[in-house]
Amino acid sequence: MRVFKMSQNLPTIIVPARLASVRFPRKLLQEVNGSPLIIHTANRLQEVAGEFETFFAVDGVELEETLRKKGFKTIRTDPDLPSGTDRIAQANQELCKDAVLNVQADEPLVEREHILSLVEGLARGNASMATLATPFRNSSDFNDENQVKVVLDQAGFALFFSRLPIPAYRGSSLFDDFSKTDFVPLKHIGLYGYQASFLEKFARSPQGQLEKLEKLEQLRALEMGDSIAVSVVQQGTIGIDVPEDLNKL
């Protein structure tokens, strides 16, 4: 595994955190084994990416106090911002970092491989933004609208993201038939890296039509004409989207 040294001018991790989740309100303060979910994520980042400076971009006093009591750094952001990337862009107006990584607050099992893969993706030429993907393993996940799909160009940059199964395999409706080809459908993992100049541009841009339709903030970047480098990793993350997901921990 590649090891980064502090002298290499590492990106800063900013974790966007808000309580107003549509599918699972106040999930970040739900207790798991005696600690709020967001503290599990914070401890995990300290464990797997301790050399990266980390801040939590929070939408209010409850999350702020919960994190600060445990010694974690926070920045207050507007609770009405439309996406996590907008929240990070606002936080970075204060922090003024050259490069930033976005780890979701409800991803308490993020791996070091994910963090380092984002750093490497962001270093690719012409990448305004970086993200991750992992191969789909079965049909039910591929057809699940809560599991986002991504298709890439030949250089490993994103062509499109969708909640619907893409690409459509004309001539077959069976996921298993992909195994007869040399194509592997990819599941998007919602972790990101950004250049500071891109964040400034993103924050100034209105939400795009595709972003509004799919409810996927990364589509704004594509609609803006920016390039998103995608690193393919073998293992995904376990995000907490609904109450039942807490059992995964």
C-alpha atoms as a PDB file:
ATOM      1  CA  MET A   1       0.000   0.000   0.000  1.00  0.00           C
ATOM      2  CA  ARG A   2       1.291   3.444  -0.907  1.00  0.00           C
ATOM      3  CA  VAL A   3       2.192   5.585   2.114  1.00  0.00           C
ATOM      4  CA  PHE A   4       2.009   9.387   1.897  1.00  0.00           C
ATOM      5  CA  LYS A   5       4.178  11.694   3.951  1.00  0.00           C
ATOM      6  CA  MET A   6       3.084  15.053   5.319  1.00  0.00           C
ATOM      7  CA  SER A   7       5.698  16.749   3.164  1.00  0.00           C
ATOM      8  CA  GLN A   8       3.741  15.728   0.086  1.00  0.00           C
ATOM      9  CA  ASN A   9       1.197  18.503   0.734  1.00  0.00           C
ATOM     10  CA  LEU A  10      -1.784  16.252   1.374  1.00  0.00           C
ATOM     11  CA  PRO A  11      -5.333  17.319   0.620  1.00  0.00           C
ATOM     12  CA  THR A  12      -7.524  18.213   3.580  1.00  0.00           C
ATOM     13  CA  ILE A  13     -10.502  15.997   4.406  1.00  0.00           C
ATOM     14  CA  ILE A  14     -13.776  17.873   4.923  1.00  0.00           C
ATOM     15  CA  VAL A  15     -16.781  15.805   6.015  1.00  0.00           C
ATOM     16  CA  PRO A  16     -20.147  17.408   5.126  1.00  0.00           C
ATOM     17  CA  ALA A  17     -22.617  16.686   7.925  1.00  0.00           C
ATOM     18  CA  ARG A  18     -26.277  17.616   8.231  1.00  0.00           C
ATOM     19  CA  LEU A  19     -29.160  16.287  10.320  1.00  0.00           C
ATOM     20  CA  ALA A  20     -31.956  16.788   7.785  1.00  0.00           C
ATOM     21  CA  SER A  21     -31.660  13.459   5.948  1.00  0.00           C
ATOM     22  CA  VAL A  22     -34.807  12.661   3.946  1.00  0.00           C
ATOM     23  CA  ARG A  23     -34.681   8.867   4.255  1.00  0.00           C
ATOM     24  CA  PHE A  24     -33.289   8.735   7.810  1.00  0.00           C
ATOM     25  CA  PRO A  25     -33.713  12.009   9.749  1.00  0.00           C
ATOM     26  CA  ARG A  26     -31.090  12.725  12.437  1.00  0.00           C
ATOM     27  CA  LYS A  27     -29.204   9.556  11.544  1.00  0.00           C
ATOM     28  CA  LEU A  28     -25.806  11.084  12.328  1.00  0.00           C
ATOM     29  CA  LEU A  29     -26.759  11.265  16.003  1.00  0.00           C
ATOM     30  CA  GLN A  30     -28.198   7.752  16.152  1.00  0.00           C
ATOM     31  CA  GLU A  31     -26.269   5.728  18.706  1.00  0.00           C
ATOM     32  CA  VAL A  32     -24.413   2.574  17.703  1.00  0.00           C
ATOM     33  CA  ASN A  33     -22.686   0.703  20.531  1.00  0.00           C
ATOM     34  CA  GLY A  34     -22.961   3.749  22.749  1.00  0.00           C
ATOM     35  CA  SER A  35     -21.636   6.410  20.352  1.00  0.00           C
ATOM     36  CA  PRO A  36     -23.338   8.600  17.725  1.00  0.00           C
ATOM     37  CA  LEU A  37     -22.862   7.457  14.137  1.00  0.00           C
ATOM     38  CA  ILE A  38     -20.853  10.546  13.233  1.00  0.00           C
ATOM     39  CA  ILE A  39     -18.337   9.792  15.999  1.00  0.00           C
ATOM     40  CA  HIS A  40     -17.817   6.312  14.511  1.00  0.00           C
ATOM     41  CA  THR A  41     -16.985   7.984  11.179  1.00  0.00           C
ATOM     42  CA  ALA A  42     -14.675  10.500  12.867  1.00  0.00           C
ATOM     43  CA  ASN A  43     -12.822   7.765  14.765  1.00  0.00           C
ATOM     44  CA  ARG A  44     -12.498   5.711  11.600  1.00  0.00           C
ATOM     45  CA  LEU A  45     -10.891   8.588   9.715  1.00  0.00           C
ATOM     46  CA  GLN A  46      -8.464   9.087  12.574  1.00  0.00           C
ATOM     47  CA  GLU A  47      -7.584   5.389  12.329  1.00  0.00           C
ATOM     48  CA  VAL A  48      -7.152   4.988   8.557  1.00  0.00           C
ATOM     49  CA  ALA A  49      -6.122   8.520   7.513  1.00  0.00           C
ATOM     50  CA  GLY A  50      -4.612  10.077  10.605  1.00  0.00           C
ATOM     51  CA  GLU A  51      -2.003  12.069   8.678  1.00  0.00           C
ATOM     52  CA  PHE A  52      -4.734  14.000   6.822  1.00  0.00           C
ATOM     53  CA  GLU A  53      -6.027  17.171   8.463  1.00  0.00           C
ATOM     54  CA  THR A  54      -9.780  16.699   8.932  1.00  0.00           C
ATOM     55  CA  PHE A  55     -12.708  19.074   9.480  1.00  0.00           C
ATOM     56  CA  PHE A  56     -16.464  18.493   9.769  1.00  0.00           C
ATOM     57  CA  ALA A  57     -18.676  20.971   7.898  1.00  0.00           C
ATOM     58  CA  VAL A  58     -21.802  20.901  10.089  1.00  0.00           C
ATOM     59  CA  ASP A  59     -25.242  22.469   9.690  1.00  0.00           C
ATOM     60  CA  GLY A  60     -25.942  23.304  13.335  1.00  0.00           C
ATOM     61  CA  VAL A  61     -25.028  23.338  16.992  1.00  0.00           C
ATOM     62  CA  GLU A  62     -25.980  19.720  17.813  1.00  0.00           C
ATOM     63  CA  LEU A  63     -23.430  18.155  15.480  1.00  0.00           C
ATOM     64  CA  GLU A  64     -20.900  20.843  16.324  1.00  0.00           C
ATOM     65  CA  GLU A  65     -21.071  20.167  20.061  1.00  0.00           C
ATOM     66  CA  THR A  66     -21.079  16.377  19.609  1.00  0.00           C
ATOM     67  CA  LEU A  67     -17.867  16.492  17.568  1.00  0.00           C
ATOM     68  CA  ARG A  68     -16.035  19.153  19.547  1.00  0.00           C
ATOM     69  CA  LYS A  69     -16.594  17.272  22.818  1.00  0.00           C
ATOM     70  CA  LYS A  70     -14.549  14.456  21.279  1.00  0.00           C
ATOM     71  CA  GLY A  71     -11.817  16.782  20.044  1.00  0.00           C
ATOM     72  CA  PHE A  72     -12.768  16.981  16.356  1.00  0.00           C
ATOM     73  CA  LYS A  73     -12.602  20.212  14.331  1.00  0.00           C
ATOM     74  CA  THR A  74     -15.807  21.703  12.922  1.00  0.00           C
ATOM     75  CA  ILE A  75     -16.907  24.553  10.654  1.00  0.00           C
ATOM     76  CA  ARG A  76     -20.504  25.813  10.677  1.00  0.00           C
ATOM     77  CA  THR A  77     -22.185  25.979   7.259  1.00  0.00           C
ATOM     78  CA  ASP A  78     -25.562  27.104   5.939  1.00  0.00           C
ATOM     79  CA  PRO A  79     -28.183  24.384   6.710  1.00  0.00           C
ATOM     80  CA  ASP A  80     -30.037  25.168   3.461  1.00  0.00           C
ATOM     81  CA  LEU A  81     -27.205  24.314   1.063  1.00  0.00           C
ATOM     82  CA  PRO A  82     -28.419  21.857  -1.636  1.00  0.00           C
ATOM     83  CA  SER A  83     -25.556  19.333  -1.534  1.00  0.00           C
ATOM     84  CA  GLY A  84     -22.537  18.099   0.370  1.00  0.00           C
ATOM     85  CA  THR A  85     -20.234  19.600  -2.241  1.00  0.00           C
ATOM     86  CA  ASP A  86     -21.853  23.011  -1.740  1.00  0.00           C
ATOM     87  CA  ARG A  87     -21.266  22.591   2.009  1.00  0.00           C
ATOM     88  CA  ILE A  88     -17.597  21.760   1.428  1.00  0.00           C
ATOM     89  CA  ALA A  89     -17.200  24.675  -0.970  1.00  0.00           C
ATOM     90  CA  GLN A  90     -18.534  27.047   1.679  1.00  0.00           C
ATOM     91  CA  ALA A  91     -16.245  25.558   4.341  1.00  0.00           C
ATOM     92  CA  ASN A  92     -13.231  25.909   2.079  1.00  0.00           C
ATOM     93  CA  GLN A  93     -13.920  29.600   1.596  1.00  0.00           C
ATOM     94  CA  GLU A  94     -12.739  29.855   5.206  1.00  0.00           C
ATOM     95  CA  LEU A  95     -10.051  27.146   5.118  1.00  0.00           C
ATOM     96  CA  CYS A  96      -8.534  28.102   1.715  1.00  0.00           C
ATOM     97  CA  LYS A  97      -7.100  24.635   1.014  1.00  0.00           C
ATOM     98  CA  ASP A  98      -5.673  23.853  -2.445  1.00  0.00           C
ATOM     99  CA  ALA A  99      -7.219  20.358  -2.586  1.00  0.00           C
ATOM    100  CA  VAL A 100     -10.000  18.772  -0.558  1.00  0.00           C
ATOM    101  CA  LEU A 101     -11.358  15.254  -0.033  1.00  0.00           C
ATOM    102  CA  ASN A 102     -15.036  14.651   0.735  1.00  0.00           C
ATOM    103  CA  VAL A 103     -15.815  11.657   2.966  1.00  0.00           C
ATOM    104  CA  GLN A 104     -19.490  11.184   3.791  1.00  0.00           C
ATOM    105  CA  ALA A 105     -20.466  11.483   7.463  1.00  0.00           C
ATOM    106  CA  ASP A 106     -22.532   8.285   7.191  1.00  0.00           C
ATOM    107  CA  GLU A 107     -19.598   6.164   5.925  1.00  0.00           C
ATOM    108  CA  PRO A 108     -18.157   4.788   9.196  1.00  0.00           C
ATOM    109  CA  LEU A 109     -16.337   1.918   7.478  1.00  0.00           C
ATOM    110  CA  VAL A 110     -14.329   3.901   4.925  1.00  0.00           C
ATOM    111  CA  GLU A 111     -11.021   2.225   4.046  1.00  0.00           C
ATOM    112  CA  ARG A 112      -7.540   3.711   3.655  1.00  0.00           C
ATOM    113  CA  GLU A 113      -7.534   2.421   0.071  1.00  0.00           C
ATOM    114  CA  HIS A 114     -10.477   4.731  -0.665  1.00  0.00           C
ATOM    115  CA  ILE A 115      -8.691   7.801   0.677  1.00  0.00           C
ATOM    116  CA  LEU A 116      -5.447   7.118  -1.206  1.00  0.00           C
ATOM    117  CA  SER A 117      -7.311   6.300  -4.428  1.00  0.00           C
ATOM    118  CA  LEU A 118      -9.016   9.695  -4.275  1.00  0.00           C
ATOM    119  CA  VAL A 119      -5.628  11.391  -3.872  1.00  0.00           C
ATOM    120  CA  GLU A 120      -4.266   9.548  -6.903  1.00  0.00           C
ATOM    121  CA  GLY A 121      -7.347  10.310  -8.999  1.00  0.00           C
ATOM    122  CA  LEU A 122      -7.135  13.988  -8.192  1.00  0.00           C
ATOM    123  CA  ALA A 123      -3.514  14.001  -9.407  1.00  0.00           C
ATOM    124  CA  ARG A 124      -4.524  12.872 -12.914  1.00  0.00           C
ATOM    125  CA  GLY A 125      -4.151  15.456 -15.643  1.00  0.00           C
ATOM    126  CA  ASN A 126      -7.225  17.629 -16.264  1.00  0.00           C
ATOM    127  CA  ALA A 127      -9.122  16.211 -13.260  1.00  0.00           C
ATOM    128  CA  SER A 128     -11.208  18.912 -11.589  1.00  0.00           C
ATOM    129  CA  MET A 129     -12.738  16.281  -9.368  1.00  0.00           C
ATOM    130  CA  ALA A 130     -12.110  12.637  -8.417  1.00  0.00           C
ATOM    131  CA  THR A 131     -14.369   9.858  -7.184  1.00  0.00           C
ATOM    132  CA  LEU A 132     -14.522   6.067  -6.808  1.00  0.00           C
ATOM    133  CA  ALA A 133     -16.344   3.064  -8.239  1.00  0.00           C
ATOM    134  CA  THR A 134     -16.449  -0.656  -7.594  1.00  0.00           C
ATOM    135  CA  PRO A 135     -17.792  -3.563  -9.696  1.00  0.00           C
ATOM    136  CA  PHE A 136     -21.400  -4.600  -9.209  1.00  0.00           C
ATOM    137  CA  ARG A 137     -21.686  -8.171  -7.916  1.00  0.00           C
ATOM    138  CA  ASN A 138     -25.342  -9.036  -8.485  1.00  0.00           C
ATOM    139  CA  SER A 139     -28.540  -8.122 -10.279  1.00  0.00           C
ATOM    140  CA  SER A 140     -30.473  -6.799  -7.269  1.00  0.00           C
ATOM    141  CA  ASP A 141     -27.811  -4.185  -6.522  1.00  0.00           C
ATOM    142  CA  PHE A 142     -27.523  -3.216 -10.192  1.00  0.00           C
ATOM    143  CA  ASN A 143     -31.274  -2.612 -10.384  1.00  0.00           C
ATOM    144  CA  ASP A 144     -31.494  -0.762  -7.061  1.00  0.00           C
ATOM    145  CA  GLU A 145     -32.112   2.960  -7.652  1.00  0.00           C
ATOM    146  CA  ASN A 146     -30.360   3.783  -4.370  1.00  0.00           C
ATOM    147  CA  GLN A 147     -27.114   2.348  -5.781  1.00  0.00           C
ATOM    148  CA  VAL A 148     -25.749   4.788  -8.345  1.00  0.00           C
ATOM    149  CA  LYS A 149     -24.153   3.604 -11.577  1.00  0.00           C
ATOM    150  CA  VAL A 150     -21.293   5.232 -13.462  1.00  0.00           C
ATOM    151  CA  VAL A 151     -19.919   4.661 -16.966  1.00  0.00           C
ATOM    152  CA  LEU A 152     -16.388   5.703 -17.942  1.00  0.00           C
ATOM    153  CA  ASP A 153     -14.478   6.752 -21.013  1.00  0.00           C
ATOM    154  CA  GLN A 154     -11.331   4.950 -22.135  1.00  0.00           C
ATOM    155  CA  ALA A 155      -9.134   7.171 -19.952  1.00  0.00           C
ATOM    156  CA  GLY A 156     -11.077   6.416 -16.780  1.00  0.00           C
ATOM    157  CA  PHE A 157     -13.084   9.628 -16.584  1.00  0.00           C
ATOM    158  CA  ALA A 158     -16.828   9.685 -15.911  1.00  0.00           C
ATOM    159  CA  LEU A 159     -19.210   9.898 -18.868  1.00  0.00           C
ATOM    160  CA  PHE A 160     -22.427   9.765 -16.816  1.00  0.00           C
ATOM    161  CA  PHE A 161     -23.953   8.779 -13.490  1.00  0.00           C
ATOM    162  CA  SER A 162     -27.480   7.453 -13.060  1.00  0.00           C
ATOM    163  CA  ARG A 163     -29.770   5.738 -10.598  1.00  0.00           C
ATOM    164  CA  LEU A 164     -31.046   3.567 -13.440  1.00  0.00           C
ATOM    165  CA  PRO A 165     -29.051   0.565 -14.719  1.00  0.00           C
ATOM    166  CA  ILE A 166     -26.474   1.862 -17.191  1.00  0.00           C
ATOM    167  CA  PRO A 167     -25.367   0.814 -19.665  1.00  0.00           C
ATOM    168  CA  ALA A 168     -28.400  -1.042 -20.976  1.00  0.00           C
ATOM    169  CA  TYR A 169     -27.295  -4.370 -22.442  1.00  0.00           C
ATOM    170  CA  ARG A 170     -29.282  -4.530 -25.671  1.00  0.00           C
ATOM    171  CA  GLY A 171     -30.098  -8.127 -26.462  1.00  0.00           C
ATOM    172  CA  SER A 172     -30.240  -9.257 -22.833  1.00  0.00           C
ATOM    173  CA  SER A 173     -32.167  -8.278 -19.713  1.00  0.00           C
ATOM    174  CA  LEU A 174     -30.008 -10.454 -17.429  1.00  0.00           C
ATOM    175  CA  PHE A 175     -27.243  -8.973 -15.303  1.00  0.00           C
ATOM    176  CA  ASP A 176     -25.332 -12.272 -15.425  1.00  0.00           C
ATOM    177  CA  ASP A 177     -24.964 -11.934 -19.187  1.00  0.00           C
ATOM    178  CA  PHE A 178     -22.465  -9.115 -18.647  1.00  0.00           C
ATOM    179  CA  SER A 179     -20.046 -11.875 -17.650  1.00  0.00           C
ATOM    180  CA  LYS A 180     -20.096 -13.069 -21.280  1.00  0.00           C
ATOM    181  CA  THR A 181     -18.612  -9.740 -22.347  1.00  0.00           C
ATOM    182  CA  ASP A 182     -15.488  -7.849 -21.263  1.00  0.00           C
ATOM    183  CA  PHE A 183     -17.616  -5.125 -19.674  1.00  0.00           C
ATOM    184  CA  VAL A 184     -18.128  -4.777 -15.904  1.00  0.00           C
ATOM    185  CA  PRO A 185     -20.948  -2.504 -14.643  1.00  0.00           C
ATOM    186  CA  LEU A 186     -19.672  -0.092 -12.014  1.00  0.00           C
ATOM    187  CA  LYS A 187     -21.257   1.125  -8.793  1.00  0.00           C
ATOM    188  CA  HIS A 188     -20.413   4.683  -7.812  1.00  0.00           C
ATOM    189  CA  ILE A 189     -18.991   5.247  -4.319  1.00  0.00           C
ATOM    190  CA  GLY A 190     -19.910   8.694  -3.010  1.00  0.00           C
ATOM    191  CA  LEU A 191     -16.485   9.900  -1.908  1.00  0.00           C
ATOM    192  CA  TYR A 192     -14.857  12.782  -3.779  1.00  0.00           C
ATOM    193  CA  GLY A 193     -11.732  14.839  -4.257  1.00  0.00           C
ATOM    194  CA  TYR A 194     -11.754  18.422  -5.539  1.00  0.00           C
ATOM    195  CA  GLN A 195      -9.378  21.100  -6.701  1.00  0.00           C
ATOM    196  CA  ALA A 196     -10.034  24.388  -4.881  1.00  0.00           C
ATOM    197  CA  SER A 197     -10.677  26.266  -8.128  1.00  0.00           C
ATOM    198  CA  PHE A 198     -13.353  23.722  -9.044  1.00  0.00           C
ATOM    199  CA  LEU A 199     -15.097  24.150  -5.677  1.00  0.00           C
ATOM    200  CA  GLU A 200     -15.304  27.900  -6.214  1.00  0.00           C
ATOM    201  CA  LYS A 201     -16.776  27.383  -9.686  1.00  0.00           C
ATOM    202  CA  PHE A 202     -19.213  24.719  -8.412  1.00  0.00           C
ATOM    203  CA  ALA A 203     -20.524  26.973  -5.634  1.00  0.00           C
ATOM    204  CA  ARG A 204     -21.207  29.780  -8.123  1.00  0.00           C
ATOM    205  CA  SER A 205     -23.065  27.514 -10.545  1.00  0.00           C
ATOM    206  CA  PRO A 206     -26.808  26.850 -10.264  1.00  0.00           C
ATOM    207  CA  GLN A 207     -28.028  23.293  -9.943  1.00  0.00           C
ATOM    208  CA  GLY A 208     -28.176  21.595 -13.339  1.00  0.00           C
ATOM    209  CA  GLN A 209     -31.243  19.991 -14.843  1.00  0.00           C
ATOM    210  CA  LEU A 210     -29.743  16.496 -14.743  1.00  0.00           C
ATOM    211  CA  GLU A 211     -28.644  17.021 -11.136  1.00  0.00           C
ATOM    212  CA  LYS A 212     -32.199  17.994 -10.180  1.00  0.00           C
ATOM    213  CA  LEU A 213     -33.729  15.033 -12.017  1.00  0.00           C
ATOM    214  CA  GLU A 214     -31.380  12.343 -10.679  1.00  0.00           C
ATOM    215  CA  LYS A 215     -30.665  14.050  -7.325  1.00  0.00           C
ATOM    216  CA  LEU A 216     -26.932  13.490  -7.941  1.00  0.00           C
ATOM    217  CA  GLU A 217     -24.659  16.454  -7.242  1.00  0.00           C
ATOM    218  CA  GLN A 218     -21.774  15.078  -9.348  1.00  0.00           C
ATOM    219  CA  LEU A 219     -23.885  15.580 -12.467  1.00  0.00           C
ATOM    220  CA  ARG A 220     -23.561  19.338 -11.968  1.00  0.00           C
ATOM    221  CA  ALA A 221     -19.825  18.970 -12.560  1.00  0.00           C
ATOM    222  CA  LEU A 222     -20.405  17.119 -15.841  1.00  0.00           C
ATOM    223  CA  GLU A 223     -23.022  19.653 -16.924  1.00  0.00           C
ATOM    224  CA  MET A 224     -20.460  22.388 -16.185  1.00  0.00           C
ATOM    225  CA  GLY A 225     -18.007  20.629 -18.549  1.00  0.00           C
ATOM    226  CA  ASP A 226     -15.543  19.530 -15.857  1.00  0.00           C
ATOM    227  CA  SER A 227     -13.709  16.194 -15.806  1.00  0.00           C
ATOM    228  CA  ILE A 228     -14.212  13.629 -13.027  1.00  0.00           C
ATOM    229  CA  ALA A 229     -11.452  11.027 -12.636  1.00  0.00           C
ATOM    230  CA  VAL A 230     -12.809   7.686 -11.417  1.00  0.00           C
ATOM    231  CA  SER A 231     -10.606   5.171  -9.585  1.00  0.00           C
ATOM    232  CA  VAL A 232     -11.941   1.613  -9.518  1.00  0.00           C
ATOM    233  CA  VAL A 233     -11.463  -0.139  -6.166  1.00  0.00           C
ATOM    234  CA  GLN A 234     -12.338  -3.718  -5.313  1.00  0.00           C
ATOM    235  CA  GLN A 235     -14.299  -3.045  -2.140  1.00  0.00           C
ATOM    236  CA  GLY A 236     -17.077  -0.548  -1.654  1.00  0.00           C
ATOM    237  CA  THR A 237     -18.140   1.168   1.543  1.00  0.00           C
ATOM    238  CA  ILE A 238     -21.076   0.495   3.837  1.00  0.00           C
ATOM    239  CA  GLY A 239     -23.150   3.654   3.994  1.00  0.00           C
ATOM    240  CA  ILE A 240     -26.025   4.210   6.404  1.00  0.00           C
ATOM    241  CA  ASP A 241     -29.051   5.295   4.356  1.00  0.00           C
ATOM    242  CA  VAL A 242     -32.018   3.840   6.271  1.00  0.00           C
ATOM    243  CA  PRO A 243     -32.470   2.673   9.915  1.00  0.00           C
ATOM    244  CA  GLU A 244     -32.000  -0.976   8.972  1.00  0.00           C
ATOM    245  CA  ASP A 245     -28.464  -0.202   7.758  1.00  0.00           C
ATOM    246  CA  LEU A 246     -27.329   0.368  11.345  1.00  0.00           C
ATOM    247  CA  ASN A 247     -27.330  -3.428  11.748  1.00  0.00           C
ATOM    248  CA  LYS A 248     -24.429  -3.580   9.257  1.00  0.00           C
ATOM    249  CA  LEU A 249     -22.167  -2.027  11.869  1.00  0.00           C
END
